[in-house]
Amino acid sequence: MNLCGRGPSWEGGARGPESNEIAAHRRCGLRHRRDRRVHAGWRCGRLAWPIRLALSLLCPGYFAGLPLFFLVGAIGLGSFGFFFLVGILFNGLIFGLASYLIRKAMEGQRVARIALTIGMGVWITWGAVYAISWWPRPDHPAPVDLSSPLAGRWNGVLHARRGDRSIALVCHPRADSTLDGYLYVHSWDMGPFENGVYARDSLHFEIVGYHHSAHFDHAKMAMVITVSGMRSEAELRFVSADTTRPAPAPVDLASPLAGRWNGVLPVRSGDRTVVLICHPHTDQALDGWPPR
């Protein structure tokens, strides 16, 4: 169930057009993540560790076939499906060779025994090193440095292409110079920080493809947001040392927009009855139920 102003097809409300733009960039950010996943996927680092272990030990062809896959891809013929085809072929060849060496070794051929011992030793060692390096480890983030001038809540204005938007930034600077927190644009939670870092008077973090860089002092902050060649600027001021997530603004029940709206949607097959329920908030954000 989509909320009013949060679906890509919603055009009404105080934040409809901006929400369409945000939703589009969110989809671009997800595609960006998938692209990075494809580039790093040959080592299967994004999969759960039991699957990675099974691929590394039981499917050597996926790794032995990488040189051919990259060679074919360099001339423009590579594809994700071709990668699996090459992996299956090489997997069959490797297991066929292992079966042949096992039969020859059982017949007493010394060369086959030596080749089989070396090959199995290398493969088992590589699998053990791979499994240990990717074994899940508990995440112990550094504590938040509450004495940092960056820690707390910053409010300001984002100068977007379709008009100014309110912005709220809650910073959690950690003792190891990493940065976590929350970012809200017009009461919209933009998602978790990625690759967040900070220094004495600057910070940088990413959110689904958006790059946020800022310089700050004890009272004000100047931020630049870039994505896909586009650039926006924001000015923020320090509000308080509160590092909790901002509470949503209450619904403005006195607004003439609040409530239920009935109407008719003309379509090619005939008119359809639609119902729209609006929850306008006091910060001019809009939630509710879309037409149905």
Foldseek 3Di string as FASTA:
>chain_A
DDWALQDLPHDDFLRNVVNVVLVVLLVVLVVVVVVVCVVVCLCPLVDDLVVSLCCLQQQCLLVVQVVVQVVCVVVPNHDPVVSVVSSVVSSVVVVVLLVVLVVVVVVPDPVSVVVNVVVVVVSVVVSVVSSVVSPDDDDDFAAFDLPQLQAAKKWWWKQDPVGIWIKMWGWRQGPVQFIWAWIATNNRTQDTWARWGADNFKIWTDGSQKIWIWGHDNFKIKIWIDHPHDIIIMIITGDDNDRDDDDDAAFDCVDPQAAKDWDWDQDPVGIDIWIWGWGQGPSRDITGDHID
